[in-house]
PDB file of all heavy atoms in Angstrom:
ATOM      1  N   TYR A   1       0.868  -1.168   0.016  1.00  0.00           N
ATOM      2  CA  TYR A   1      -0.003  -0.010  -0.051  1.00  0.00           C
ATOM      3  C   TYR A   1       0.923   1.165   0.024  1.00  0.00           C
ATOM      4  O   TYR A   1       1.632   1.400   0.936  1.00  0.00           O
ATOM      5  CB  TYR A   1      -0.884   0.055   1.176  1.00  0.00           C
ATOM      6  CG  TYR A   1      -1.846   1.183   1.226  1.00  0.00           C
ATOM      7  CD1 TYR A   1      -3.147   1.095   0.553  1.00  0.00           C
ATOM      8  CD2 TYR A   1      -1.689   2.374   1.966  1.00  0.00           C
ATOM      9  CE1 TYR A   1      -3.942   2.108   0.607  1.00  0.00           C
ATOM     10  CE2 TYR A   1      -2.520   3.362   1.972  1.00  0.00           C
ATOM     11  CZ  TYR A   1      -3.725   3.305   1.309  1.00  0.00           C
ATOM     12  OH  TYR A   1      -4.561   4.297   1.318  1.00  0.00           O
ATOM     13  N   ASP A   2       0.785   2.045  -1.052  1.00  0.00           N
ATOM     14  CA  ASP A   2       1.513   3.329  -1.089  1.00  0.00           C
ATOM     15  C   ASP A   2       0.667   4.439  -0.349  1.00  0.00           C
ATOM     16  O   ASP A   2      -0.339   4.830  -0.715  1.00  0.00           O
ATOM     17  CB  ASP A   2       1.655   3.756  -2.592  1.00  0.00           C
ATOM     18  CG  ASP A   2       2.600   4.989  -2.750  1.00  0.00           C
ATOM     19  OD1 ASP A   2       2.488   5.885  -1.986  1.00  0.00           O
ATOM     20  OD2 ASP A   2       3.424   4.868  -3.728  1.00  0.00           O
ATOM     21  N   TYR A   3       1.220   4.839   0.839  1.00  0.00           N
ATOM     22  CA  TYR A   3       0.421   5.625   1.689  1.00  0.00           C
ATOM     23  C   TYR A   3       0.536   7.170   1.223  1.00  0.00           C
ATOM     24  O   TYR A   3      -0.204   7.979   1.791  1.00  0.00           O
ATOM     25  CB  TYR A   3       0.829   5.544   3.197  1.00  0.00           C
ATOM     26  CG  TYR A   3       2.360   5.771   3.406  1.00  0.00           C
ATOM     27  CD1 TYR A   3       2.863   6.867   3.527  1.00  0.00           C
ATOM     28  CD2 TYR A   3       3.165   4.572   3.759  1.00  0.00           C
ATOM     29  CE1 TYR A   3       4.261   7.154   3.817  1.00  0.00           C
ATOM     30  CE2 TYR A   3       4.475   4.668   4.065  1.00  0.00           C
ATOM     31  CZ  TYR A   3       5.017   5.971   4.045  1.00  0.00           C
ATOM     32  OH  TYR A   3       6.350   6.065   4.359  1.00  0.00           O
ATOM     33  N   LEU A   4       1.371   7.391   0.289  1.00  0.00           N
ATOM     34  CA  LEU A   4       1.351   8.850  -0.300  1.00  0.00           C
ATOM     35  C   LEU A   4       0.309   8.990  -1.429  1.00  0.00           C
ATOM     36  O   LEU A   4      -0.263   9.981  -1.590  1.00  0.00           O
ATOM     37  CB  LEU A   4       2.756   9.184  -0.756  1.00  0.00           C
ATOM     38  CG  LEU A   4       3.876   9.259   0.238  1.00  0.00           C
ATOM     39  CD1 LEU A   4       5.153   9.696  -0.437  1.00  0.00           C
ATOM     40  CD2 LEU A   4       3.568  10.242   1.431  1.00  0.00           C
ATOM     41  N   LYS A   5       0.010   7.884  -2.145  1.00  0.00           N
ATOM     42  CA  LYS A   5      -0.859   7.835  -3.237  1.00  0.00           C
ATOM     43  C   LYS A   5      -2.174   7.194  -2.900  1.00  0.00           C
ATOM     44  O   LYS A   5      -3.121   7.155  -3.687  1.00  0.00           O
ATOM     45  CB  LYS A   5      -0.210   7.124  -4.485  1.00  0.00           C
ATOM     46  CG  LYS A   5       1.067   7.773  -4.943  1.00  0.00           C
ATOM     47  CD  LYS A   5       1.652   6.966  -6.117  1.00  0.00           C
ATOM     48  CE  LYS A   5       2.932   7.626  -6.718  1.00  0.00           C
ATOM     49  NZ  LYS A   5       3.463   6.735  -7.752  1.00  0.00           N
ATOM     50  N   ASN A   6      -2.273   6.590  -1.663  1.00  0.00           N
ATOM     51  CA  ASN A   6      -3.354   5.876  -1.250  1.00  0.00           C
ATOM     52  C   ASN A   6      -3.852   4.683  -2.322  1.00  0.00           C
ATOM     53  O   ASN A   6      -5.005   4.635  -2.632  1.00  0.00           O
ATOM     54  CB  ASN A   6      -4.571   6.732  -0.987  1.00  0.00           C
ATOM     55  CG  ASN A   6      -4.379   7.712   0.149  1.00  0.00           C
ATOM     56  OD1 ASN A   6      -3.778   7.351   1.129  1.00  0.00           O
ATOM     57  ND2 ASN A   6      -4.923   8.929   0.126  1.00  0.00           N
ATOM     58  N   HIS A   7      -2.799   4.028  -2.698  1.00  0.00           N
ATOM     59  CA  HIS A   7      -2.975   2.986  -3.708  1.00  0.00           C
ATOM     60  C   HIS A   7      -2.536   1.677  -3.222  1.00  0.00           C
ATOM     61  O   HIS A   7      -1.423   1.512  -2.726  1.00  0.00           O
ATOM     62  CB  HIS A   7      -2.224   3.349  -5.007  1.00  0.00           C
ATOM     63  CG  HIS A   7      -2.308   2.286  -6.054  1.00  0.00           C
ATOM     64  ND1 HIS A   7      -3.440   2.044  -6.692  1.00  0.00           N
ATOM     65  CD2 HIS A   7      -1.361   1.469  -6.473  1.00  0.00           C
ATOM     66  CE1 HIS A   7      -3.211   1.051  -7.618  1.00  0.00           C
ATOM     67  NE2 HIS A   7      -2.008   0.697  -7.495  1.00  0.00           N
ATOM     68  N   PHE A   8      -3.383   0.605  -3.331  1.00  0.00           N
ATOM     69  CA  PHE A   8      -3.090  -0.828  -2.964  1.00  0.00           C
ATOM     70  C   PHE A   8      -2.788  -1.611  -4.095  1.00  0.00           C
ATOM     71  O   PHE A   8      -3.596  -1.615  -5.033  1.00  0.00           O
ATOM     72  CB  PHE A   8      -4.225  -1.335  -2.237  1.00  0.00           C
ATOM     73  CG  PHE A   8      -4.013  -2.780  -1.785  1.00  0.00           C
ATOM     74  CD1 PHE A   8      -2.979  -3.158  -0.909  1.00  0.00           C
ATOM     75  CD2 PHE A   8      -4.837  -3.798  -2.300  1.00  0.00           C
ATOM     76  CE1 PHE A   8      -2.801  -4.494  -0.554  1.00  0.00           C
ATOM     77  CE2 PHE A   8      -4.597  -5.109  -1.876  1.00  0.00           C
ATOM     78  CZ  PHE A   8      -3.600  -5.491  -1.090  1.00  0.00           C
ATOM     79  N   GLN A   9      -1.620  -2.306  -4.180  1.00  0.00           N
ATOM     80  CA  GLN A   9      -1.203  -3.166  -5.286  1.00  0.00           C
ATOM     81  C   GLN A   9      -1.108  -4.610  -4.793  1.00  0.00           C
ATOM     82  O   GLN A   9      -0.138  -4.890  -4.077  1.00  0.00           O
ATOM     83  CB  GLN A   9       0.090  -2.614  -5.879  1.00  0.00           C
ATOM     84  CG  GLN A   9       0.642  -3.597  -6.953  1.00  0.00           C
ATOM     85  CD  GLN A   9      -0.279  -3.634  -8.148  1.00  0.00           C
ATOM     86  OE1 GLN A   9      -0.681  -2.537  -8.750  1.00  0.00           O
ATOM     87  NE2 GLN A   9      -0.671  -4.814  -8.552  1.00  0.00           N
ATOM     88  N   PRO A  10      -2.127  -5.448  -5.055  1.00  0.00           N
ATOM     89  CA  PRO A  10      -1.933  -6.829  -4.613  1.00  0.00           C
ATOM     90  C   PRO A  10      -0.729  -7.485  -5.284  1.00  0.00           C
ATOM     91  O   PRO A  10      -0.411  -7.160  -6.413  1.00  0.00           O
ATOM     92  CB  PRO A  10      -3.242  -7.480  -5.142  1.00  0.00           C
ATOM     93  CG  PRO A  10      -4.109  -6.392  -5.343  1.00  0.00           C
ATOM     94  CD  PRO A  10      -3.292  -5.206  -5.835  1.00  0.00           C
ATOM     95  N   ILE A  11       0.018  -8.398  -4.514  1.00  0.00           N
ATOM     96  CA  ILE A  11       1.205  -9.112  -5.135  1.00  0.00           C
ATOM     97  C   ILE A  11       1.135 -10.497  -5.113  1.00  0.00           C
ATOM     98  O   ILE A  11       1.930 -11.194  -5.687  1.00  0.00           O
ATOM     99  CB  ILE A  11       2.444  -8.560  -4.472  1.00  0.00           C
ATOM    100  CG1 ILE A  11       2.427  -8.874  -2.995  1.00  0.00           C
ATOM    101  CG2 ILE A  11       2.744  -7.107  -4.707  1.00  0.00           C
ATOM    102  CD1 ILE A  11       3.699  -8.592  -2.214  1.00  0.00           C
ATOM    103  N   THR A  12       0.086 -11.059  -4.444  1.00  0.00           N
ATOM    104  CA  THR A  12      -0.102 -12.536  -4.314  1.00  0.00           C
ATOM    105  C   THR A  12      -1.472 -12.934  -4.914  1.00  0.00           C
ATOM    106  O   THR A  12      -2.347 -12.098  -4.983  1.00  0.00           O
ATOM    107  CB  THR A  12       0.077 -12.975  -2.951  1.00  0.00           C
ATOM    108  OG1 THR A  12      -1.002 -12.556  -2.094  1.00  0.00           O
ATOM    109  CG2 THR A  12       1.384 -12.561  -2.283  1.00  0.00           C
ATOM    110  N   VAL A  13      -1.579 -14.303  -5.098  1.00  0.00           N
ATOM    111  CA  VAL A  13      -2.855 -14.836  -5.342  1.00  0.00           C
ATOM    112  C   VAL A  13      -3.693 -14.910  -4.026  1.00  0.00           C
ATOM    113  O   VAL A  13      -3.044 -14.546  -2.882  1.00  0.00           O
ATOM    114  CB  VAL A  13      -2.781 -16.211  -5.897  1.00  0.00           C
ATOM    115  CG1 VAL A  13      -2.059 -16.183  -7.289  1.00  0.00           C
ATOM    116  CG2 VAL A  13      -2.067 -17.116  -5.023  1.00  0.00           C
ATOM    117  N   ASN A  14      -4.860 -15.407  -4.008  1.00  0.00           N
ATOM    118  CA  ASN A  14      -5.621 -15.471  -2.702  1.00  0.00           C
ATOM    119  C   ASN A  14      -4.887 -16.474  -1.852  1.00  0.00           C
ATOM    120  O   ASN A  14      -4.531 -17.535  -2.226  1.00  0.00           O
ATOM    121  CB  ASN A  14      -7.013 -16.051  -3.028  1.00  0.00           C
ATOM    122  CG  ASN A  14      -7.830 -15.039  -3.819  1.00  0.00           C
ATOM    123  OD1 ASN A  14      -7.321 -14.099  -4.429  1.00  0.00           O
ATOM    124  ND2 ASN A  14      -9.148 -15.214  -3.828  1.00  0.00           N
ATOM    125  N   LEU A  15      -4.754 -16.064  -0.503  1.00  0.00           N
ATOM    126  CA  LEU A  15      -4.172 -16.969   0.439  1.00  0.00           C
ATOM    127  C   LEU A  15      -5.184 -17.905   0.904  1.00  0.00           C
ATOM    128  O   LEU A  15      -6.267 -17.610   1.230  1.00  0.00           O
ATOM    129  CB  LEU A  15      -3.603 -16.104   1.628  1.00  0.00           C
ATOM    130  CG  LEU A  15      -2.540 -15.137   1.270  1.00  0.00           C
ATOM    131  CD1 LEU A  15      -1.953 -14.489   2.575  1.00  0.00           C
ATOM    132  CD2 LEU A  15      -1.399 -15.709   0.385  1.00  0.00           C
ATOM    133  N   GLU A  16      -4.852 -19.228   0.885  1.00  0.00           N
ATOM    134  CA  GLU A  16      -5.752 -20.234   1.215  1.00  0.00           C
ATOM    135  C   GLU A  16      -6.223 -20.230   2.580  1.00  0.00           C
ATOM    136  O   GLU A  16      -7.340 -20.692   2.944  1.00  0.00           O
ATOM    137  CB  GLU A  16      -5.240 -21.597   0.716  1.00  0.00           C
ATOM    138  CG  GLU A  16      -5.010 -21.772  -0.747  1.00  0.00           C
ATOM    139  CD  GLU A  16      -4.408 -23.139  -1.084  1.00  0.00           C
ATOM    140  OE1 GLU A  16      -4.178 -23.873  -0.182  1.00  0.00           O
ATOM    141  OE2 GLU A  16      -4.277 -23.398  -2.366  1.00  0.00           O
ATOM    142  N   SER A  17      -5.325 -19.921   3.528  1.00  0.00           N
ATOM    143  CA  SER A  17      -5.571 -19.973   4.951  1.00  0.00           C
ATOM    144  C   SER A  17      -5.298 -18.628   5.523  1.00  0.00           C
ATOM    145  O   SER A  17      -4.318 -17.901   5.160  1.00  0.00           O
ATOM    146  CB  SER A  17      -4.669 -20.994   5.642  1.00  0.00           C
ATOM    147  OG  SER A  17      -4.962 -21.156   7.025  1.00  0.00           O
ATOM    148  N   PRO A  18      -6.168 -18.079   6.550  1.00  0.00           N
ATOM    149  CA  PRO A  18      -6.023 -16.844   6.987  1.00  0.00           C
ATOM    150  C   PRO A  18      -4.672 -16.616   7.825  1.00  0.00           C
ATOM    151  O   PRO A  18      -4.139 -17.579   8.450  1.00  0.00           O
ATOM    152  CB  PRO A  18      -7.275 -16.641   7.930  1.00  0.00           C
ATOM    153  CG  PRO A  18      -7.698 -17.947   8.298  1.00  0.00           C
ATOM    154  CD  PRO A  18      -7.344 -18.779   7.107  1.00  0.00           C
ATOM    155  N   ILE A  19      -4.294 -15.372   7.888  1.00  0.00           N
ATOM    156  CA  ILE A  19      -3.082 -15.097   8.688  1.00  0.00           C
ATOM    157  C   ILE A  19      -3.346 -15.056  10.210  1.00  0.00           C
ATOM    158  O   ILE A  19      -4.375 -14.461  10.645  1.00  0.00           O
ATOM    159  CB  ILE A  19      -2.420 -13.734   8.280  1.00  0.00           C
ATOM    160  CG1 ILE A  19      -1.896 -13.810   6.828  1.00  0.00           C
ATOM    161  CG2 ILE A  19      -1.356 -13.277   9.230  1.00  0.00           C
ATOM    162  CD1 ILE A  19      -1.429 -12.443   6.268  1.00  0.00           C
ATOM    163  N   THR A  20      -2.508 -15.724  10.968  1.00  0.00           N
ATOM    164  CA  THR A  20      -2.725 -15.703  12.421  1.00  0.00           C
ATOM    165  C   THR A  20      -1.726 -14.657  13.112  1.00  0.00           C
ATOM    166  O   THR A  20      -2.157 -13.991  13.999  1.00  0.00           O
ATOM    167  CB  THR A  20      -2.581 -17.097  13.000  1.00  0.00           C
ATOM    168  OG1 THR A  20      -1.323 -17.635  12.650  1.00  0.00           O
ATOM    169  CG2 THR A  20      -3.690 -18.004  12.493  1.00  0.00           C
ATOM    170  N   GLN A  21      -0.487 -14.764  12.653  1.00  0.00           N
ATOM    171  CA  GLN A  21       0.457 -13.785  13.219  1.00  0.00           C
ATOM    172  C   GLN A  21       1.464 -13.515  12.148  1.00  0.00           C
ATOM    173  O   GLN A  21       1.600 -14.221  11.202  1.00  0.00           O
ATOM    174  CB  GLN A  21       1.273 -14.370  14.432  1.00  0.00           C
ATOM    175  CG  GLN A  21       0.463 -14.600  15.692  1.00  0.00           C
ATOM    176  CD  GLN A  21       1.380 -14.847  16.901  1.00  0.00           C
ATOM    177  OE1 GLN A  21       2.533 -14.395  17.010  1.00  0.00           O
ATOM    178  NE2 GLN A  21       0.927 -15.759  17.731  1.00  0.00           N
ATOM    179  N   CYS A  22       2.078 -12.178  12.213  1.00  0.00           N
ATOM    180  CA  CYS A  22       2.996 -11.864  11.090  1.00  0.00           C
ATOM    181  C   CYS A  22       4.124 -11.043  11.613  1.00  0.00           C
ATOM    182  O   CYS A  22       4.130 -10.469  12.721  1.00  0.00           O
ATOM    183  CB  CYS A  22       2.311 -11.034  10.032  1.00  0.00           C
ATOM    184  SG  CYS A  22       1.548  -9.459  10.660  1.00  0.00           S
ATOM    185  N   ARG A  23       5.201 -11.078  10.923  1.00  0.00           N
ATOM    186  CA  ARG A  23       6.443 -10.284  11.182  1.00  0.00           C
ATOM    187  C   ARG A  23       6.832  -9.804   9.804  1.00  0.00           C
ATOM    188  O   ARG A  23       6.476 -10.237   8.709  1.00  0.00           O
ATOM    189  CB  ARG A  23       7.525 -11.022  11.859  1.00  0.00           C
ATOM    190  CG  ARG A  23       7.108 -11.747  13.122  1.00  0.00           C
ATOM    191  CD  ARG A  23       6.900 -10.694  14.231  1.00  0.00           C
ATOM    192  NE  ARG A  23       6.556 -11.340  15.462  1.00  0.00           N
ATOM    193  CZ  ARG A  23       5.389 -11.560  15.922  1.00  0.00           C
ATOM    194  NH1 ARG A  23       4.319 -11.209  15.144  1.00  0.00           N
ATOM    195  NH2 ARG A  23       5.143 -12.161  17.117  1.00  0.00           N
ATOM    196  N   SER A  24       7.797  -8.811   9.782  1.00  0.00           N
ATOM    197  CA  SER A  24       8.272  -8.421   8.435  1.00  0.00           C
ATOM    198  C   SER A  24       9.577  -7.641   8.540  1.00  0.00           C
ATOM    199  O   SER A  24       9.907  -7.199   9.632  1.00  0.00           O
ATOM    200  CB  SER A  24       7.136  -7.386   7.787  1.00  0.00           C
ATOM    201  OG  SER A  24       7.049  -6.218   8.589  1.00  0.00           O
ATOM    202  N   ASP A  25      10.246  -7.424   7.390  1.00  0.00           N
ATOM    203  CA  ASP A  25      11.218  -6.440   7.221  1.00  0.00           C
ATOM    204  C   ASP A  25      10.908  -5.684   5.974  1.00  0.00           C
ATOM    205  O   ASP A  25       9.805  -5.714   5.430  1.00  0.00           O
ATOM    206  CB  ASP A  25      12.656  -7.010   7.234  1.00  0.00           C
ATOM    207  CG  ASP A  25      12.789  -8.079   6.190  1.00  0.00           C
ATOM    208  OD1 ASP A  25      12.235  -7.969   5.076  1.00  0.00           O
ATOM    209  OD2 ASP A  25      13.573  -9.092   6.386  1.00  0.00           O
TER     210      ASP A  25
END
């Protein structure tokens, strides 16, 4: 999500199972 342009760009197909916890860099 580009927060300066308010634009969301999906990068994956549908995830088969919901996210329970996440981390990132």
